[in-house]
Protein backbone atom coordinates (compact mmCIF):
# COMPACT_ATOMS: atom_id res chain seq x y z
CA MET A 1 -39.65 20.57 -15.80
CA GLY A 2 -36.26 20.43 -13.05
CA LEU A 3 -33.07 20.16 -14.46
CA PHE A 4 -32.92 17.06 -12.33
CA ASP A 5 -36.30 15.33 -14.14
CA LYS A 6 -34.59 16.75 -18.07
CA VAL A 7 -31.19 14.77 -16.93
CA GLU A 8 -33.41 11.31 -15.64
CA HIS A 9 -36.16 11.77 -18.86
CA GLY A 10 -32.96 12.05 -21.28
CA ILE A 11 -31.58 8.86 -19.95
CA SER A 12 -34.61 6.89 -19.68
CA SER A 13 -35.49 7.90 -23.50
CA ALA A 14 -32.19 6.96 -24.76
CA VAL A 15 -32.13 4.02 -22.54
CA ASN A 16 -35.10 2.63 -23.40
CA ASN A 17 -35.10 3.49 -27.23
CA ALA A 18 -31.76 1.29 -27.20
CA LEU A 19 -33.07 -1.52 -25.36
CA SER A 20 -36.52 -1.67 -24.83
CA ARG A 21 -36.92 -4.21 -27.32
CA ALA A 22 -33.39 -6.46 -26.15
CA PHE A 23 -34.87 -7.26 -23.03
CA ALA A 24 -37.28 -7.43 -20.25
CA SER A 25 -35.03 -7.43 -17.44
CA ASP A 26 -36.23 -7.18 -13.72
CA VAL A 27 -33.62 -4.50 -13.31
CA ASP A 28 -34.74 -1.64 -15.20
CA PRO A 29 -31.66 0.37 -16.36
CA LEU A 30 -33.34 3.57 -15.48
CA GLU A 31 -32.97 2.30 -11.74
CA ILE A 32 -29.58 1.95 -12.69
CA ALA A 33 -29.34 5.22 -13.95
CA VAL A 34 -30.58 7.24 -11.14
CA ALA A 35 -28.86 4.78 -8.39
CA LEU A 36 -25.73 6.29 -9.59
CA GLN A 37 -27.11 9.52 -9.51
CA LYS A 38 -27.78 9.22 -5.87
CA GLN A 39 -24.57 7.58 -5.21
CA LEU A 40 -23.15 11.02 -6.11
CA ASP A 41 -25.24 13.11 -4.05
CA THR A 42 -24.79 10.61 -1.03
CA SER A 43 -20.66 10.40 -1.44
CA ALA A 44 -19.79 13.93 -2.61
CA LYS A 45 -16.90 15.43 -0.23
CA VAL A 46 -16.44 19.64 0.07
CA LEU A 47 -13.33 20.53 -1.77
CA ASP A 48 -14.14 23.77 -1.26
CA ARG A 49 -16.90 26.31 -0.73
CA ASP A 50 -17.93 25.62 -4.47
CA ARG A 51 -16.89 22.00 -5.09
CA ARG A 52 -17.52 18.64 -4.07
CA LEU A 53 -15.53 15.62 -5.25
CA VAL A 54 -17.81 12.47 -5.84
CA PRO A 55 -16.83 9.22 -6.93
CA ASN A 56 -16.28 8.25 -10.55
CA ASP A 57 -15.42 4.51 -10.49
CA PHE A 58 -18.75 2.62 -10.18
CA ARG A 59 -19.79 -0.91 -9.74
CA VAL A 60 -23.33 -2.16 -9.95
CA ASN A 61 -23.70 -5.59 -8.44
CA LEU A 62 -26.33 -8.01 -10.39
CA ALA A 63 -28.03 -11.08 -9.52
CA ARG A 64 -27.27 -13.82 -12.37
CA HIS A 65 -30.82 -13.56 -14.20
CA ASP A 66 -29.97 -9.74 -14.45
CA TYR A 67 -26.38 -9.93 -15.05
CA ASP A 68 -26.98 -12.15 -18.18
CA ARG A 69 -29.55 -9.87 -19.89
CA LEU A 70 -27.98 -6.70 -19.17
CA ALA A 71 -24.24 -7.20 -19.46
CA PRO A 72 -24.37 -7.81 -23.06
CA TYR A 73 -25.59 -4.12 -23.06
CA SER A 74 -23.22 -2.77 -20.90
CA ARG A 75 -21.49 -0.44 -23.73
CA THR A 76 -24.94 0.82 -24.76
CA LEU A 77 -25.82 1.18 -21.47
CA ASN A 78 -23.08 3.14 -20.37
CA ALA A 79 -22.93 5.50 -23.24
CA GLU A 80 -26.00 6.75 -22.45
CA CYS A 81 -25.68 6.84 -18.24
CA ILE A 82 -22.35 8.55 -18.35
CA PRO A 83 -22.58 11.65 -20.47
CA GLY A 84 -26.13 11.76 -18.18
CA LEU A 85 -23.85 11.72 -14.82
CA ARG A 86 -21.64 14.51 -16.26
CA GLU A 87 -24.47 16.76 -17.12
CA TYR A 88 -26.27 15.63 -13.76
CA ALA A 89 -22.82 16.49 -12.03
CA ALA A 90 -22.03 19.74 -13.43
CA THR A 91 -25.70 21.11 -12.34
CA ARG A 92 -24.44 20.82 -8.55
CA GLN A 93 -21.19 21.63 -8.95
CA TYR A 94 -19.64 18.16 -8.20
CA VAL A 95 -15.73 17.53 -9.70
CA PHE A 96 -14.63 13.78 -10.88
CA SER A 97 -10.96 12.94 -10.09
CA GLY A 98 -10.85 11.35 -13.50
CA PRO A 99 -12.82 9.39 -16.35
CA ILE A 100 -15.99 8.11 -15.16
CA THR A 101 -16.15 4.07 -15.60
CA ILE A 102 -19.26 1.53 -14.63
CA ALA A 103 -18.26 -1.92 -14.21
CA TYR A 104 -21.26 -4.85 -14.36
CA VAL A 105 -20.89 -7.28 -11.84
CA LEU A 106 -21.90 -10.60 -11.07
CA ASP A 107 -23.26 -11.16 -7.46
CA GLU A 108 -24.58 -14.70 -6.56
CA SER A 109 -25.72 -13.19 -3.21
CA LEU A 110 -28.56 -11.00 -4.61
CA SER A 111 -32.05 -12.04 -5.82
CA THR A 112 -33.29 -11.22 -9.08
CA GLY A 113 -34.78 -7.93 -9.10
CA ARG A 114 -32.27 -6.65 -6.67
CA PHE A 115 -28.89 -4.74 -7.41
CA THR A 116 -26.47 -2.60 -5.55
CA VAL A 117 -23.62 -0.11 -6.37
CA ASP A 118 -20.19 0.33 -4.84
CA SER A 119 -18.34 3.60 -5.82
CA ASP A 120 -14.70 4.58 -5.24
CA VAL A 121 -12.54 7.81 -6.03
CA ARG A 122 -10.00 7.04 -8.61
CA ALA A 123 -7.00 9.51 -9.73
CA GLY A 124 -7.16 9.81 -13.50
CA VAL A 125 -4.15 8.75 -15.80
CA ALA A 126 -3.05 11.07 -18.00
CA SER A 127 -3.50 10.22 -21.63
CA ASP A 128 -4.70 11.09 -25.04
CA THR A 129 -5.77 7.70 -26.04
CA GLN A 130 -7.75 4.76 -24.72
CA GLY A 131 -5.24 2.24 -23.56
CA VAL A 132 -2.08 4.86 -23.27
CA LEU A 133 -1.27 5.12 -19.70
CA SER A 134 1.50 6.94 -17.82
CA SER A 135 4.31 4.01 -16.44
CA GLY A 136 5.35 6.75 -13.68
CA HIS A 137 2.68 5.30 -11.26
CA ASP A 138 3.80 1.33 -11.43
CA LEU A 139 0.50 0.27 -12.47
CA VAL A 140 -0.08 -2.95 -11.60
CA LEU A 141 -2.89 -5.95 -12.59
CA GLU A 142 -4.36 -6.79 -8.90
CA VAL A 143 -5.34 -11.05 -8.54
CA ASN A 144 -6.68 -12.54 -5.46
CA GLY A 145 -4.76 -9.44 -3.64
CA VAL A 146 -1.22 -10.21 -5.44
CA ARG A 147 0.02 -7.21 -7.36
CA HIS A 148 1.83 -7.99 -10.72
CA PRO A 149 3.63 -5.17 -12.18
CA LEU A 150 2.42 -3.97 -15.63
CA THR A 151 5.79 -3.88 -17.23
CA PRO A 152 7.31 -4.35 -20.74
CA PRO A 153 6.64 -6.76 -22.25
CA GLY A 154 3.55 -8.36 -20.60
CA PHE A 155 2.63 -12.00 -19.63
CA THR A 156 0.38 -14.50 -19.94
CA ILE A 157 -2.50 -15.85 -17.80
CA GLY A 158 -3.73 -19.27 -17.00
CA ARG A 159 -4.25 -22.27 -15.00
CA GLY A 160 -1.02 -24.37 -16.63
CA THR A 161 2.60 -24.65 -15.62
CA GLU A 162 2.85 -22.92 -19.08
CA ALA A 163 1.63 -19.53 -18.13
CA ASP A 164 3.24 -16.80 -16.91
CA LEU A 165 0.52 -16.15 -13.79
CA ARG A 166 -0.77 -18.77 -12.96
CA ILE A 167 -4.12 -18.89 -11.43
CA ASN A 168 -6.16 -21.98 -9.64
CA ASP A 169 -9.20 -21.81 -10.93
CA PRO A 170 -10.95 -24.58 -12.65
CA ASN A 171 -12.92 -22.22 -15.13
CA VAL A 172 -9.73 -21.04 -16.30
CA SER A 173 -8.10 -22.46 -19.07
CA ARG A 174 -4.15 -23.71 -19.46
CA LEU A 175 -3.58 -20.49 -21.42
CA HIS A 176 -6.25 -18.00 -21.41
CA ALA A 177 -4.96 -14.75 -21.93
CA GLN A 178 -2.07 -12.65 -22.81
CA ILE A 179 -1.57 -9.23 -21.36
CA SER A 180 0.86 -6.97 -23.78
CA VAL A 181 2.47 -3.87 -22.38
CA GLU A 182 4.17 -1.85 -24.81
CA ASP A 183 6.23 1.22 -23.89
CA ILE A 184 5.89 4.07 -26.37
CA GLY A 185 8.11 6.38 -24.67
CA ASP A 186 7.90 9.86 -23.01
CA GLY A 187 7.01 7.46 -19.76
CA GLN A 188 3.79 5.77 -21.44
CA VAL A 189 3.08 2.33 -21.94
CA GLN A 190 0.05 0.95 -23.63
CA VAL A 191 -1.20 -2.20 -22.18
CA SER A 192 -3.88 -4.52 -23.96
CA ILE A 193 -5.46 -8.52 -23.28
CA ALA A 194 -6.22 -10.72 -25.54
CA ASP A 195 -7.96 -14.33 -25.23
CA LEU A 196 -6.08 -16.96 -26.24
CA GLY A 197 -8.74 -19.26 -27.60
CA SER A 198 -9.75 -20.16 -23.66
CA THR A 199 -12.94 -22.29 -23.24
CA ASN A 200 -15.03 -19.25 -20.99
CA GLY A 201 -13.61 -16.34 -22.62
CA LEU A 202 -12.51 -12.75 -21.22
CA ILE A 203 -14.82 -10.03 -20.01
CA ILE A 204 -13.75 -6.26 -19.66
CA ASN A 205 -15.87 -4.05 -17.42
CA GLY A 206 -18.64 -5.96 -17.98
CA GLU A 207 -18.57 -6.89 -21.58
CA LYS A 208 -17.29 -9.87 -23.09
CA VAL A 209 -15.03 -9.60 -25.81
CA ARG A 210 -11.59 -11.47 -27.71
CA SER A 211 -9.58 -8.47 -27.23
CA GLY A 212 -9.22 -4.96 -25.54
CA ARG A 213 -6.67 -1.84 -24.22
CA LEU A 214 -6.94 -1.94 -20.88
CA SER A 215 -6.49 1.45 -18.87
CA GLU A 216 -6.88 2.75 -15.23
CA GLY A 217 -9.40 1.12 -13.52
CA SER A 218 -10.08 -1.65 -16.44
CA ARG A 219 -12.11 -4.83 -14.27
CA ILE A 220 -11.07 -7.78 -16.02
CA GLU A 221 -12.71 -11.35 -15.57
CA ILE A 222 -11.82 -14.57 -16.39
CA GLY A 223 -13.00 -17.82 -15.32
CA SER A 224 -14.43 -17.13 -11.92
CA THR A 225 -11.16 -14.87 -11.30
CA ARG A 226 -11.47 -10.92 -11.10
CA MET A 227 -8.93 -8.56 -11.61
CA LEU A 228 -8.17 -4.83 -11.45
CA VAL A 229 -5.64 -2.60 -13.21
CA HIS A 230 -4.61 0.48 -11.20
CA SER A 231 -2.10 2.20 -9.39
CA PRO A 232 -1.39 1.33 -5.48
CA VAL A 233 0.34 4.85 -5.13
CA GLY A 234 -1.00 6.45 -2.27
CA GLU A 235 -3.12 4.01 -0.84
């Protein structure tokens, strides 16, 4: 069995063991894992004779039926896919520019059983723990094309006049979520988000949560609005 086959077989076994009894989606998790590997191959850019730079930020776009079934298992799926991608990359001397992130996104234009994968190269941010970010890169929360600086102490998000960041979205509660930004010294900040008892909840990187730490590349969904934490430096 070749090395590619071993990686694929390992992902298949782990994913099937973890998820096979949980759902029977029209999109097979193994299809997604293989598509992510192919994305590395098609997007690799030569750095030097021995190394090629590949994407580390992935977005898996799913139809409503598949999104509703797969999104609740995104953490389990990523726990198997990400090590497999690292191993696959190592066999081909691919280089990632930062941590691997995989988000599962609803795309109403897709039909059940079909999905697409988008990818990007995002520079890593030095950190020792998840959610601890370098503040020297002017991190922002981008919402509908507008960038909002992530500076202490943070801000509230909602549809009502009492929210610091107002969003015109009927699916967003009047006071939906709280972004907290804490200066922890040495040029670093710790960023988190918490649901404030909203009607439709909070999704981070495809997983519905009550609260969570945010890091470079974190994707947030509240109501019908999508947000992205990133550094605009170099764009």
